[in-house]
């Protein structure tokens, strides 16, 4: 019955829609060149402290070697400091690249998840990234909704919208009598990235990719980082305290070394 009542898009309409509205993927943020990402690791306060200590250690070692006639072993300490710096920055850079690579793979796997749609009058499965505006998507319990759209059918449909609104379960319906005027999103609409917790239904896609509510949230997260959670504020405070203590210890060490040698 569903296939006869809803014909869906034709292949030509799919191509036209994708050309007009784009693919159903989120545009990743622009990344700095690898050399710039590596140099950014040297901006860490602890690394800066180590570099200052290394430079001062080189100066002291030169005085010991040329002025006091001591052996070449006096240069082992500054060499060790700079080896530690390279290890710390190199490992941080490597792990960041690995994490970014794994995150990209996870996104690709998510975009390739199969979705049931009606096209050319038949139910077929396509990758989530191939959903286009105008598609009729079939919803089942446990599925992640592939795009933003308006419900055509809804039977006992409940959706977890916590990723967008914080609400774990929202009732969805095509019956106007069931519409919730206080809901963040219309009761007869579903959003990309939310999950069907109960029931089943169908919806017609209205937005894909960056134009979805999830895409707007993703874009805003890349632009506005001024709002910090209480946890972020506590971590920033702890990092500041550690930095100040590190500067103090470094100053004591430097003063102690200068007193010993001069």
Protein backbone atom coordinates (compact mmCIF):
# COMPACT_ATOMS: atom_id res chain seq x y z
CA UNK A 1 0.00 0.00 0.00
CA UNK A 2 2.77 2.42 0.91
CA UNK A 3 4.56 1.86 -2.37
CA UNK A 4 1.37 2.58 -4.37
CA UNK A 5 0.33 5.58 -2.31
CA UNK A 6 3.76 7.20 -2.21
CA UNK A 7 5.81 6.93 -5.38
CA UNK A 8 8.79 8.93 -4.14
CA UNK A 9 11.34 10.56 -6.40
CA UNK A 10 12.49 9.32 -9.77
CA UNK A 11 16.18 8.92 -10.57
CA UNK A 12 16.14 12.15 -12.58
CA UNK A 13 14.50 14.04 -9.70
CA UNK A 14 17.12 12.67 -7.28
CA UNK A 15 19.95 14.03 -9.42
CA UNK A 16 18.21 17.38 -9.81
CA UNK A 17 17.56 17.66 -6.07
CA UNK A 18 21.16 16.76 -5.16
CA UNK A 19 22.45 19.33 -7.63
CA UNK A 20 20.18 22.01 -6.17
CA UNK A 21 20.39 21.27 -2.43
CA UNK A 22 23.65 19.34 -2.08
CA UNK A 23 24.59 16.05 -0.44
CA UNK A 24 23.42 14.88 2.98
CA UNK A 25 26.76 15.32 4.72
CA UNK A 26 28.13 17.92 7.13
CA UNK A 27 30.95 20.05 5.76
CA UNK A 28 34.02 19.46 7.95
CA UNK A 29 35.75 22.57 9.35
CA UNK A 30 38.81 23.84 7.53
CA UNK A 31 42.06 22.52 8.96
CA UNK A 32 45.42 24.23 9.29
CA UNK A 33 48.39 22.78 7.38
CA UNK A 34 50.24 19.98 9.21
CA UNK A 35 53.30 22.15 9.82
CA UNK A 36 51.15 24.80 11.48
CA UNK A 37 49.38 22.18 13.62
CA UNK A 38 52.78 20.92 14.77
CA UNK A 39 54.08 24.41 15.59
CA UNK A 40 50.96 25.09 17.66
CA UNK A 41 52.14 22.41 20.11
CA UNK A 42 55.03 24.70 21.07
CA UNK A 43 52.53 27.28 22.33
CA UNK A 44 51.74 25.18 25.38
CA UNK A 45 52.88 27.01 28.56
CA UNK A 46 54.77 23.97 29.86
CA UNK A 47 56.64 23.59 26.57
CA UNK A 48 57.54 27.28 26.66
CA UNK A 49 58.90 26.83 30.18
CA UNK A 50 60.97 23.86 29.05
CA UNK A 51 62.36 25.79 26.08
CA UNK A 52 63.37 28.71 28.34
CA UNK A 53 64.97 26.26 30.75
CA UNK A 54 66.76 24.59 27.82
CA UNK A 55 68.18 27.87 26.53
CA UNK A 56 69.39 28.85 30.01
CA UNK A 57 70.83 25.37 30.49
CA UNK A 58 72.78 25.73 27.24
CA UNK A 59 74.20 29.05 28.47
CA UNK A 60 75.27 27.52 31.79
CA UNK A 61 76.74 24.48 30.04
CA UNK A 62 78.76 26.71 27.70
CA UNK A 63 80.14 28.59 30.72
CA UNK A 64 81.07 25.32 32.43
CA UNK A 65 82.69 23.90 29.28
CA UNK A 66 84.59 26.99 28.07
CA UNK A 67 85.01 28.93 31.30
CA UNK A 68 85.56 26.17 33.84
CA UNK A 69 87.10 23.62 31.49
CA UNK A 70 84.66 20.84 32.31
CA UNK A 71 83.92 17.92 29.97
CA UNK A 72 81.39 17.67 27.16
CA UNK A 73 79.02 15.84 29.49
CA UNK A 74 77.80 19.24 30.72
CA UNK A 75 75.76 19.47 27.51
CA UNK A 76 73.80 16.29 28.30
CA UNK A 77 71.30 18.20 30.43
CA UNK A 78 70.22 20.76 27.78
CA UNK A 79 70.21 18.00 25.16
CA UNK A 80 67.89 15.98 27.39
CA UNK A 81 65.57 18.95 27.83
CA UNK A 82 65.21 19.49 24.08
CA UNK A 83 64.74 15.76 23.47
CA UNK A 84 61.93 15.85 26.04
CA UNK A 85 60.40 18.85 24.24
CA UNK A 86 60.49 17.08 20.87
CA UNK A 87 59.04 13.91 22.37
CA UNK A 88 56.20 15.79 24.08
CA UNK A 89 55.26 17.86 21.03
CA UNK A 90 55.77 14.96 18.61
CA UNK A 91 53.60 12.55 20.59
CA UNK A 92 50.87 15.18 21.10
CA UNK A 93 50.89 15.92 17.36
CA UNK A 94 50.78 12.19 16.48
CA UNK A 95 47.91 11.36 18.83
CA UNK A 96 45.94 14.36 17.60
CA UNK A 97 46.34 13.20 14.00
CA UNK A 98 45.26 9.67 14.95
CA UNK A 99 42.20 10.94 16.81
CA UNK A 100 41.26 13.14 13.86
CA UNK A 101 41.68 10.21 11.47
CA UNK A 102 39.50 7.93 13.60
CA UNK A 103 36.86 10.65 13.92
CA UNK A 104 36.78 11.02 10.13
CA UNK A 105 36.39 7.26 9.69
CA UNK A 106 33.51 7.18 12.19
CA UNK A 107 31.76 9.98 10.30
CA UNK A 108 32.20 8.13 7.01
CA UNK A 109 30.78 4.92 8.51
CA UNK A 110 27.80 6.89 9.87
CA UNK A 111 27.21 8.51 6.46
CA UNK A 112 27.24 5.06 4.81
CA UNK A 113 24.57 3.57 7.12
CA UNK A 114 21.64 2.20 5.06
CA UNK A 115 18.32 4.06 5.02
CA UNK A 116 15.01 2.86 3.57
CA UNK A 117 13.43 5.26 1.09
CA UNK A 118 10.74 5.11 -1.55
CA UNK A 119 12.00 5.85 -5.04
CA UNK A 120 10.43 5.10 -8.39
CA UNK A 121 7.49 3.62 -6.49
CA UNK A 122 9.61 1.00 -4.73
CA UNK A 123 11.17 0.66 -1.28
CA UNK A 124 14.95 0.62 -1.57
CA UNK A 125 17.98 1.02 0.69
CA UNK A 126 20.52 3.78 0.10
CA UNK A 127 23.43 5.21 2.14
CA UNK A 128 22.39 7.99 4.51
CA UNK A 129 24.61 10.47 2.63
CA UNK A 130 22.59 9.86 -0.58
CA UNK A 131 19.28 11.06 0.89
CA UNK A 132 18.08 14.18 -0.93
CA UNK A 133 15.42 16.84 -0.43
CA UNK A 134 12.06 15.41 -1.49
CA UNK A 135 12.89 11.80 -0.61
CA UNK A 136 10.33 9.79 1.34
CA UNK A 137 12.17 8.05 4.18
CA UNK A 138 10.74 5.12 6.16
CA UNK A 139 11.30 5.22 9.93
CA UNK A 140 11.59 2.20 12.21
CA UNK A 141 12.33 1.77 15.92
CA UNK A 142 16.01 2.19 16.77
CA UNK A 143 16.96 4.11 13.62
CA UNK A 144 18.80 7.41 13.52
CA UNK A 145 16.87 9.91 11.45
CA UNK A 146 18.79 10.74 8.29
CA UNK A 147 17.57 14.28 7.56
CA UNK A 148 15.11 16.99 8.57
CA UNK A 149 11.60 16.49 7.27
CA UNK A 150 7.83 16.57 7.67
CA UNK A 151 5.99 13.43 8.73
CA UNK A 152 3.61 11.79 6.29
CA UNK A 153 2.70 8.92 8.58
CA UNK A 154 3.33 8.30 12.28
CA UNK A 155 2.22 5.35 14.39
CA UNK A 156 3.03 5.61 18.13
CA UNK A 157 6.15 7.50 17.08
CA UNK A 158 8.48 8.74 19.83
CA UNK A 159 11.84 10.34 19.08
CA UNK A 160 14.88 11.07 21.26
CA UNK A 161 15.80 14.70 20.52
CA UNK A 162 18.33 15.05 23.34
CA UNK A 163 21.17 15.72 20.88
CA UNK A 164 19.42 18.94 19.82
CA UNK A 165 17.02 19.99 22.56
CA UNK A 166 18.00 17.93 25.60
CA UNK A 167 14.58 16.23 25.62
CA UNK A 168 14.99 12.42 25.70
CA UNK A 169 11.53 11.48 24.37
CA UNK A 170 9.20 13.57 22.19
CA UNK A 171 5.90 12.32 20.83
CA UNK A 172 5.47 12.79 17.08
CA UNK A 173 2.22 12.81 15.17
CA UNK A 174 0.53 13.93 11.95
CA UNK A 175 -2.73 14.53 13.81
CA UNK A 176 -3.17 18.24 14.54
CA UNK A 177 -5.03 17.46 17.76
CA UNK A 178 -1.81 15.92 19.14
CA UNK A 179 0.44 18.85 18.26
CA UNK A 180 2.42 20.32 21.17
CA UNK A 181 2.56 24.10 20.84
CA UNK A 182 5.38 24.31 23.40
CA UNK A 183 7.63 21.85 21.59
CA UNK A 184 10.98 23.13 20.32
CA UNK A 185 10.32 21.62 16.89
CA UNK A 186 6.89 21.02 15.33
CA UNK A 187 5.25 17.77 16.39
CA UNK A 188 4.93 16.68 12.76
CA UNK A 189 8.62 17.29 12.01
CA UNK A 190 11.66 15.10 12.63
CA UNK A 191 15.31 16.16 12.73
CA UNK A 192 18.56 14.71 11.46
CA UNK A 193 20.69 13.00 14.12
CA UNK A 194 17.76 12.25 16.45
CA UNK A 195 16.69 8.65 17.11
CA UNK A 196 13.42 6.74 16.87
CA UNK A 197 12.76 5.21 20.29
CA UNK A 198 9.35 3.73 19.58
CA UNK A 199 6.88 3.31 16.73
CA UNK A 200 7.31 3.81 13.01
CA UNK A 201 6.38 6.21 10.24
CA UNK A 202 7.46 8.02 7.09
CA UNK A 203 8.57 11.56 6.35
CA UNK A 204 9.35 13.74 3.38
CA UNK A 205 12.83 15.29 3.49
CA UNK A 206 12.91 19.09 3.69
CA UNK A 207 16.60 19.73 4.50
CA UNK A 208 19.85 17.80 4.18
CA UNK A 209 23.46 18.24 5.25
CA UNK A 210 24.49 21.69 6.48
CA UNK A 211 20.93 23.05 6.12
CA UNK A 212 19.56 20.70 8.79
CA UNK A 213 19.21 21.72 12.44
CA UNK A 214 22.10 19.39 13.26
CA UNK A 215 24.19 21.10 10.58
CA UNK A 216 23.40 24.53 12.02
CA UNK A 217 24.40 23.39 15.52
CA UNK A 218 27.61 21.86 14.14
CA UNK A 219 28.50 25.08 12.32
CA UNK A 220 27.75 27.21 15.38
CA UNK A 221 29.98 24.97 17.49
CA UNK A 222 32.89 25.67 15.12
CA UNK A 223 32.37 29.44 15.22
CA UNK A 224 31.28 30.36 18.75
CA UNK A 225 33.49 28.88 21.44
CA UNK A 226 32.97 31.76 23.88
CA UNK A 227 30.34 29.92 25.92
CA UNK A 228 32.01 27.53 28.35
CA UNK A 229 30.46 24.88 30.53
CA UNK A 230 31.19 24.80 34.29
CA UNK A 231 33.53 21.85 33.67
CA UNK A 232 35.45 23.84 31.05
CA UNK A 233 35.79 26.74 33.47
CA UNK A 234 37.08 24.46 36.23
CA UNK A 235 39.59 22.84 33.86
CA UNK A 236 40.76 26.27 32.69
CA UNK A 237 41.24 27.32 36.31
CA UNK A 238 43.22 24.16 37.09
CA UNK A 239 45.37 24.66 33.98
CA UNK A 240 46.07 28.24 35.04
CA UNK A 241 47.08 27.13 38.54
CA UNK A 242 49.41 24.44 37.17
CA UNK A 243 50.96 26.97 34.79
CA UNK A 244 51.63 29.46 37.60
CA UNK A 245 53.17 26.75 39.80
CA UNK A 246 55.32 25.60 36.88
CA UNK A 247 56.61 29.14 36.32
CA UNK A 248 57.38 29.45 40.04
CA UNK A 249 59.28 26.14 40.16
CA UNK A 250 61.18 27.04 37.00
CA UNK A 251 62.16 30.39 38.50
CA UNK A 252 63.39 28.71 41.70
CA UNK A 253 65.43 26.20 39.69
CA UNK A 254 66.98 28.92 37.52
CA UNK A 255 67.85 31.08 40.54
CA UNK A 256 69.29 28.03 42.34
CA UNK A 257 71.48 27.12 39.37
CA UNK A 258 72.73 30.68 39.03
CA UNK A 259 73.60 30.84 42.75
CA UNK A 260 75.50 27.53 42.53
CA UNK A 261 77.60 28.50 39.52
CA UNK A 262 78.12 32.19 40.12
